[in-house]
């Protein structure tokens, strides 16, 4: 049996104790100390990056361009660069970032992958020893082509589109219905640059929405009523002068998860994104920022219809990390005072990575 010790995150908060594990399974969780530990610090489930565009790492950032000029299909800067960049360069870049994420405690990332089946295959080629992609592919055009979509649906976890305002209303509704009929998830960017028609968007029954920076209270209430989670990306939003209304989302009762968005704007570092989320919540007047931890751990798992608890319990598969403690309050230490080089150990199944020793 091997052990890690310190402050263990449970569904009721942090407790001082230890976790014992072997053969890829948690065997013991207890209070108190053990005689020998592989690592000591804050012990919590690995993080889930709920929204990335990892391939964008190859795109040079132009600070003179607007959000639309940078990322909007089909002629935004990122789309022009990705179309002319050799496939190997894109795959190598994504592989580097997959390793980077794992070393910072992220076990899974939900990637909105452009480029049709070719773009999806680039992401599928990543080594599965690192952070695991959950792939939301995208057709090459802004129309519903059943053959292309069928090819994508054979290999992706879902379909992730840019924005309803980029599409013909009938075509995007038909595409969404077809995706759902095939048992796949459908997600879309919504109300990022401007407020969009939430009736139209929610009629498509999306699995989750990205951004919602321009959402009204009524929009958020509709999402809650429809059981539609929201992913926010505060660093990316702030870069383009938008502020995600995270407090209003939380108070409305929405499931809110956290993502890092375009890699040329924000590297996929969830600890930094977690800090930003905590600071946005403080700016918006929220005193209790524990919900930010759920945004980085529990709620990404909820979106994927996977384990919805953040408890590390006996007889559960290993899926945790140990991050250096600042010896203060565990919540504020984790949310506001953790650096990207603080993780000491990441354990997923039978694999244990010692990082930043």
Protein backbone atom coordinates (compact mmCIF):
# COMPACT_ATOMS: atom_id res chain seq x y z
CA UNK A 1 0.00 0.00 0.00
CA UNK A 2 1.17 3.52 -0.85
CA UNK A 3 -0.03 6.68 0.87
CA UNK A 4 -0.46 10.40 0.33
CA UNK A 5 -1.38 12.66 3.21
CA UNK A 6 -2.50 16.18 4.08
CA UNK A 7 -5.85 17.92 3.53
CA UNK A 8 -8.23 15.57 1.68
CA UNK A 9 -11.11 17.09 -0.28
CA UNK A 10 -14.45 15.41 0.46
CA UNK A 11 -18.04 16.28 -0.44
CA UNK A 12 -18.23 18.04 2.95
CA UNK A 13 -14.98 19.99 2.51
CA UNK A 14 -11.36 19.35 3.42
CA UNK A 15 -10.36 16.99 6.25
CA UNK A 16 -6.87 16.37 7.62
CA UNK A 17 -5.97 12.80 6.78
CA UNK A 18 -4.52 10.39 4.27
CA UNK A 19 -5.36 8.25 1.25
CA UNK A 20 -4.01 4.72 0.85
CA UNK A 21 -4.01 3.14 -2.61
CA UNK A 22 -2.71 0.13 -4.53
CA UNK A 23 -3.25 -1.52 -7.91
CA UNK A 24 -5.11 1.50 -9.24
CA UNK A 25 -7.70 1.56 -6.46
CA UNK A 26 -8.23 3.70 -3.38
CA UNK A 27 -8.16 1.34 -0.37
CA UNK A 28 -8.22 3.63 2.65
CA UNK A 29 -9.26 7.18 3.46
CA UNK A 30 -8.74 8.17 7.07
CA UNK A 31 -8.09 10.98 9.49
CA UNK A 32 -4.71 11.53 11.10
CA UNK A 33 -1.22 10.85 9.86
CA UNK A 34 0.67 7.92 8.36
CA UNK A 35 4.32 7.09 8.88
CA UNK A 36 5.36 7.48 5.25
CA UNK A 37 3.82 9.33 2.29
CA UNK A 38 4.67 9.59 -1.38
CA UNK A 39 3.53 13.21 -1.27
CA UNK A 40 1.95 15.62 1.20
CA UNK A 41 -0.33 18.56 0.57
CA UNK A 42 -3.86 19.20 -0.70
CA UNK A 43 -5.39 15.97 -2.01
CA UNK A 44 -8.22 16.35 -4.48
CA UNK A 45 -9.65 14.75 -7.63
CA UNK A 46 -7.88 15.55 -10.88
CA UNK A 47 -9.19 18.55 -12.78
CA UNK A 48 -11.37 18.49 -15.90
CA UNK A 49 -10.76 21.17 -18.52
CA UNK A 50 -14.27 21.51 -19.91
CA UNK A 51 -13.48 23.59 -22.99
CA UNK A 52 -10.37 23.77 -25.12
CA UNK A 53 -9.28 24.48 -28.67
CA UNK A 54 -5.88 22.85 -28.25
CA UNK A 55 -4.74 23.06 -31.87
CA UNK A 56 -4.88 26.85 -31.65
CA UNK A 57 -1.50 26.72 -29.92
CA UNK A 58 0.12 26.98 -33.38
CA UNK A 59 -1.69 30.25 -34.14
CA UNK A 60 0.29 33.49 -33.58
CA UNK A 61 -1.76 35.91 -31.54
CA UNK A 62 -2.54 39.26 -33.16
CA UNK A 63 -3.54 41.79 -30.50
CA UNK A 64 -5.05 44.13 -33.09
CA UNK A 65 -7.85 41.72 -34.01
CA UNK A 66 -11.31 41.49 -32.49
CA UNK A 67 -12.84 38.30 -31.14
CA UNK A 68 -14.70 37.73 -34.40
CA UNK A 69 -11.61 38.40 -36.52
CA UNK A 70 -9.58 36.01 -34.40
CA UNK A 71 -11.81 32.96 -34.04
CA UNK A 72 -15.00 33.20 -36.11
CA UNK A 73 -15.38 30.68 -38.95
CA UNK A 74 -14.63 30.38 -41.74
CA UNK A 75 -12.11 33.21 -42.24
CA UNK A 76 -10.96 34.10 -38.73
CA UNK A 77 -7.21 34.14 -38.13
CA UNK A 78 -7.17 30.75 -36.40
CA UNK A 79 -9.00 29.02 -39.25
CA UNK A 80 -6.64 30.44 -41.87
CA UNK A 81 -3.57 29.38 -39.90
CA UNK A 82 -4.85 25.89 -39.09
CA UNK A 83 -5.73 25.29 -42.73
CA UNK A 84 -2.13 25.92 -43.82
CA UNK A 85 -0.19 24.37 -40.91
CA UNK A 86 1.27 20.87 -41.50
CA UNK A 87 -0.60 18.14 -39.68
CA UNK A 88 2.50 16.94 -37.82
CA UNK A 89 3.12 20.40 -36.39
CA UNK A 90 -0.43 20.52 -35.06
CA UNK A 91 -0.21 17.03 -33.55
CA UNK A 92 3.18 17.75 -31.96
CA UNK A 93 1.83 20.96 -30.44
CA UNK A 94 -1.26 19.24 -29.03
CA UNK A 95 0.89 16.44 -27.61
CA UNK A 96 3.05 18.97 -25.79
CA UNK A 97 -0.02 20.58 -24.26
CA UNK A 98 -1.50 17.20 -23.30
CA UNK A 99 1.64 16.47 -21.26
CA UNK A 100 1.54 20.01 -19.88
CA UNK A 101 -2.02 19.56 -18.64
CA UNK A 102 -1.37 16.24 -16.95
CA UNK A 103 1.62 17.68 -15.10
CA UNK A 104 -0.70 20.35 -13.73
CA UNK A 105 -3.32 17.93 -12.50
CA UNK A 106 -5.77 17.82 -15.42
CA UNK A 107 -6.83 14.31 -16.43
CA UNK A 108 -9.39 15.06 -19.18
CA UNK A 109 -10.13 17.90 -21.57
CA UNK A 110 -13.16 18.54 -23.75
CA UNK A 111 -11.86 19.81 -27.07
CA UNK A 112 -13.94 21.52 -29.75
CA UNK A 113 -11.94 20.24 -32.71
CA UNK A 114 -12.28 22.01 -36.04
CA UNK A 115 -11.26 20.58 -39.39
CA UNK A 116 -13.78 17.83 -39.88
CA UNK A 117 -12.60 14.23 -39.83
CA UNK A 118 -8.98 15.22 -40.49
CA UNK A 119 -8.89 17.51 -37.47
CA UNK A 120 -10.49 14.82 -35.34
CA UNK A 121 -7.93 12.23 -36.43
CA UNK A 122 -5.14 14.59 -35.40
CA UNK A 123 -6.52 14.67 -31.89
CA UNK A 124 -7.16 10.92 -31.86
CA UNK A 125 -3.49 10.33 -32.64
CA UNK A 126 -2.35 11.74 -29.29
CA UNK A 127 -0.60 9.34 -26.93
CA UNK A 128 -3.09 8.13 -24.31
CA UNK A 129 -0.38 8.19 -21.61
CA UNK A 130 -1.18 11.85 -21.05
CA UNK A 131 -4.28 13.98 -20.55
CA UNK A 132 -7.23 12.25 -22.23
CA UNK A 133 -9.23 14.16 -24.87
CA UNK A 134 -13.01 14.11 -25.04
CA UNK A 135 -13.53 15.06 -28.67
CA UNK A 136 -16.31 17.30 -29.92
CA UNK A 137 -15.77 17.37 -33.68
CA UNK A 138 -17.09 19.87 -36.14
CA UNK A 139 -18.07 19.74 -39.84
CA UNK A 140 -15.78 21.60 -42.23
CA UNK A 141 -18.56 23.90 -43.42
CA UNK A 142 -21.50 25.79 -41.97
CA UNK A 143 -24.11 23.45 -43.40
CA UNK A 144 -25.60 20.05 -42.63
CA UNK A 145 -23.99 17.35 -44.77
CA UNK A 146 -25.20 13.97 -43.55
CA UNK A 147 -22.34 11.88 -44.98
CA UNK A 148 -19.64 14.06 -43.42
CA UNK A 149 -21.54 14.14 -40.15
CA UNK A 150 -21.92 10.35 -40.12
CA UNK A 151 -18.17 9.95 -40.64
CA UNK A 152 -17.54 12.28 -37.69
CA UNK A 153 -20.06 10.60 -35.42
CA UNK A 154 -18.26 7.28 -35.79
CA UNK A 155 -15.19 8.62 -33.99
CA UNK A 156 -16.17 11.62 -31.84
CA UNK A 157 -17.78 11.89 -28.42
CA UNK A 158 -19.99 14.72 -29.62
CA UNK A 159 -20.36 17.66 -31.97
CA UNK A 160 -19.31 21.16 -30.84
CA UNK A 161 -20.22 24.17 -32.97
CA UNK A 162 -19.06 27.78 -32.98
CA UNK A 163 -22.28 29.78 -32.60
CA UNK A 164 -25.87 29.63 -33.78
CA UNK A 165 -25.49 33.04 -35.43
CA UNK A 166 -22.87 31.56 -37.80
CA UNK A 167 -25.46 29.11 -39.19
CA UNK A 168 -28.73 29.06 -41.04
CA UNK A 169 -31.37 28.42 -38.36
CA UNK A 170 -32.93 25.45 -40.14
CA UNK A 171 -29.62 23.76 -40.94
CA UNK A 172 -28.27 23.96 -37.39
CA UNK A 173 -31.56 22.71 -35.91
CA UNK A 174 -31.52 19.73 -38.28
CA UNK A 175 -27.90 18.98 -37.43
CA UNK A 176 -28.52 19.14 -33.69
CA UNK A 177 -31.53 16.84 -33.93
CA UNK A 178 -29.59 14.35 -36.04
CA UNK A 179 -26.66 14.29 -33.61
CA UNK A 180 -28.96 13.69 -30.64
CA UNK A 181 -30.83 10.95 -32.55
CA UNK A 182 -27.51 9.11 -32.89
CA UNK A 183 -26.95 9.17 -29.13
CA UNK A 184 -24.12 11.71 -29.25
CA UNK A 185 -23.71 14.94 -27.29
CA UNK A 186 -24.28 18.32 -28.94
CA UNK A 187 -22.76 21.53 -27.59
CA UNK A 188 -22.40 25.06 -28.84
CA UNK A 189 -20.89 28.47 -28.06
CA UNK A 190 -23.66 30.82 -26.98
CA UNK A 191 -24.01 34.55 -26.26
CA UNK A 192 -20.26 35.13 -26.31
CA UNK A 193 -19.94 38.26 -28.47
CA UNK A 194 -23.59 39.33 -28.41
CA UNK A 195 -26.71 38.04 -26.70
CA UNK A 196 -28.33 35.34 -28.80
CA UNK A 197 -31.85 33.91 -29.04
CA UNK A 198 -31.99 31.45 -26.15
CA UNK A 199 -35.29 29.98 -27.29
CA UNK A 200 -33.63 28.93 -30.55
CA UNK A 201 -30.55 27.58 -28.79
CA UNK A 202 -32.37 25.66 -26.07
CA UNK A 203 -34.86 24.22 -28.55
CA UNK A 204 -31.87 22.28 -29.95
CA UNK A 205 -31.51 20.60 -26.52
CA UNK A 206 -27.75 21.14 -26.20
CA UNK A 207 -25.78 19.00 -23.76
CA UNK A 208 -24.03 22.16 -22.54
CA UNK A 209 -23.26 25.72 -23.60
CA UNK A 210 -19.98 27.62 -23.77
CA UNK A 211 -19.43 31.18 -22.45
CA UNK A 212 -22.84 32.89 -21.98
CA UNK A 213 -21.01 36.13 -21.13
CA UNK A 214 -23.92 38.22 -22.45
CA UNK A 215 -26.66 36.17 -20.77
CA UNK A 216 -29.54 37.84 -18.96
CA UNK A 217 -31.06 36.50 -15.75
CA UNK A 218 -33.96 35.13 -17.80
CA UNK A 219 -31.49 33.33 -20.09
CA UNK A 220 -29.81 31.70 -17.09
CA UNK A 221 -33.16 30.70 -15.61
CA UNK A 222 -34.03 29.00 -18.89
CA UNK A 223 -30.77 27.05 -18.81
CA UNK A 224 -31.45 25.92 -15.25
CA UNK A 225 -35.00 24.91 -16.10
CA UNK A 226 -33.73 22.95 -19.11
CA UNK A 227 -30.91 21.33 -17.14
CA UNK A 228 -28.28 22.73 -19.49
CA UNK A 229 -24.83 23.25 -17.91
CA UNK A 230 -22.63 26.23 -18.80
CA UNK A 231 -18.86 26.28 -19.31
CA UNK A 232 -17.08 29.57 -18.62
CA UNK A 233 -13.56 30.53 -19.67
CA UNK A 234 -12.76 33.71 -17.69
CA UNK A 235 -9.21 34.32 -18.98
CA UNK A 236 -10.30 34.13 -22.60
CA UNK A 237 -13.45 36.16 -21.96
CA UNK A 238 -11.51 38.89 -20.15
CA UNK A 239 -8.94 39.01 -22.94
CA UNK A 240 -11.71 40.11 -25.29
CA UNK A 241 -13.24 42.52 -22.79
CA UNK A 242 -16.06 40.25 -21.61
CA UNK A 243 -16.82 39.29 -18.01
CA UNK A 244 -18.57 35.95 -17.44
CA UNK A 245 -21.43 36.47 -14.96
CA UNK A 246 -20.32 33.54 -12.82
CA UNK A 247 -21.97 34.70 -9.61
CA UNK A 248 -25.33 35.16 -11.33
CA UNK A 249 -24.96 31.71 -12.90
CA UNK A 250 -24.24 30.10 -9.52
CA UNK A 251 -27.05 31.95 -7.76
CA UNK A 252 -29.47 30.98 -10.54
CA UNK A 253 -28.67 27.34 -9.79
CA UNK A 254 -26.77 26.54 -13.00
CA UNK A 255 -24.17 23.80 -13.26
CA UNK A 256 -21.06 25.83 -14.12
CA UNK A 257 -17.82 24.21 -15.28
CA UNK A 258 -14.47 25.72 -16.17
CA UNK A 259 -12.44 25.66 -19.38
CA UNK A 260 -9.38 27.40 -20.81
CA UNK A 261 -10.62 27.98 -24.41
CA UNK A 262 -8.26 28.91 -27.27
CA UNK A 263 -4.67 27.84 -26.61
CA UNK A 264 -3.12 30.82 -28.40
CA UNK A 265 -4.90 33.12 -25.92
CA UNK A 266 -4.69 31.08 -22.71
CA UNK A 267 -2.49 28.04 -22.16
CA UNK A 268 -4.53 25.07 -20.84
CA UNK A 269 -3.53 25.57 -17.21
CA UNK A 270 -6.54 24.85 -15.05
CA UNK A 271 -4.92 26.05 -11.84
CA UNK A 272 -4.50 29.50 -13.35
CA UNK A 273 -8.06 29.36 -14.71
CA UNK A 274 -9.28 28.35 -11.25
CA UNK A 275 -7.57 31.39 -9.75
CA UNK A 276 -9.16 33.68 -12.31
CA UNK A 277 -12.58 32.19 -11.59
CA UNK A 278 -12.07 32.78 -7.87
CA UNK A 279 -11.04 36.37 -8.44
CA UNK A 280 -13.99 37.03 -10.76
CA UNK A 281 -16.31 35.66 -8.07
CA UNK A 282 -14.72 37.97 -5.48
CA UNK A 283 -15.02 40.92 -7.87
CA UNK A 284 -18.69 40.06 -8.30
CA UNK A 285 -19.21 40.13 -4.53
CA UNK A 286 -19.20 36.44 -3.61
CA UNK A 287 -17.50 35.74 -0.28
CA UNK A 288 -17.63 31.93 -0.42
CA UNK A 289 -15.56 30.76 -3.40
CA UNK A 290 -15.71 27.01 -2.75
CA UNK A 291 -17.96 26.69 -5.80
CA UNK A 292 -14.91 27.42 -7.97
CA UNK A 293 -13.45 24.04 -6.92
CA UNK A 294 -16.62 22.30 -8.12
CA UNK A 295 -16.28 24.14 -11.42
CA UNK A 296 -12.85 22.58 -11.96
CA UNK A 297 -13.58 19.09 -10.61
CA UNK A 298 -17.17 17.92 -10.14
CA UNK A 299 -19.05 19.87 -12.79
CA UNK A 300 -16.86 18.88 -15.72
CA UNK A 301 -17.60 15.29 -14.78
CA UNK A 302 -21.31 16.05 -14.62
CA UNK A 303 -21.19 17.40 -18.16
CA UNK A 304 -19.66 14.14 -19.33
CA UNK A 305 -22.27 12.08 -17.49
CA UNK A 306 -19.53 10.52 -15.47
CA UNK A 307 -18.78 10.40 -11.75
CA UNK A 308 -20.60 13.32 -10.16
CA UNK A 309 -18.99 13.11 -6.73
CA UNK A 310 -15.69 14.70 -5.83
CA UNK A 311 -15.20 12.38 -2.88
CA UNK A 312 -12.11 10.17 -2.83
CA UNK A 313 -13.55 6.99 -1.34
CA UNK A 314 -12.40 3.42 -0.63
CA UNK A 315 -12.95 1.00 -3.54
CA UNK A 316 -13.04 3.79 -6.10
CA UNK A 317 -10.51 3.97 -8.98
CA UNK A 318 -7.54 6.25 -8.38
CA UNK A 319 -8.12 9.65 -9.94
CA UNK A 320 -6.50 12.23 -7.69
CA UNK A 321 -3.67 14.72 -7.38
CA UNK A 322 -1.58 16.16 -4.57
CA UNK A 323 -0.77 19.84 -4.69
CA UNK A 324 1.57 21.79 -2.43
CA UNK A 325 -0.08 23.44 0.56
CA UNK A 326 0.56 27.02 1.65
CA UNK A 327 -0.41 26.00 5.22
CA UNK A 328 -3.44 28.28 5.22
CA UNK A 329 -7.12 27.70 4.58
CA UNK A 330 -7.25 24.83 2.02
CA UNK A 331 -9.95 26.48 -0.10
CA UNK A 332 -8.21 29.81 -0.54
CA UNK A 333 -4.82 28.08 -0.83
CA UNK A 334 -6.15 25.98 -3.70
CA UNK A 335 -8.23 28.58 -5.51
CA UNK A 336 -6.19 31.75 -5.06
CA UNK A 337 -2.65 30.71 -4.12
CA UNK A 338 -1.80 27.64 -6.22
CA UNK A 339 0.78 27.91 -8.96
CA UNK A 340 1.12 25.76 -12.05
CA UNK A 341 4.27 24.18 -10.62
CA UNK A 342 2.66 23.26 -7.28
CA UNK A 343 1.32 19.76 -8.13
CA UNK A 344 3.50 17.06 -6.59
CA UNK A 345 1.78 13.86 -7.70
CA UNK A 346 -0.93 12.79 -10.13
CA UNK A 347 -2.47 9.32 -9.83
CA UNK A 348 -4.89 7.94 -12.44
CA UNK A 349 -5.62 4.23 -12.30
CA UNK A 350 -2.36 2.34 -11.88
CA UNK A 351 -0.28 5.22 -13.26
CA UNK A 352 1.48 7.52 -10.83
CA UNK A 353 3.35 10.57 -12.05
CA UNK A 354 5.71 12.35 -9.68
CA UNK A 355 5.81 15.95 -10.87
CA UNK A 356 7.59 19.05 -9.60
CA UNK A 357 9.43 17.10 -6.92
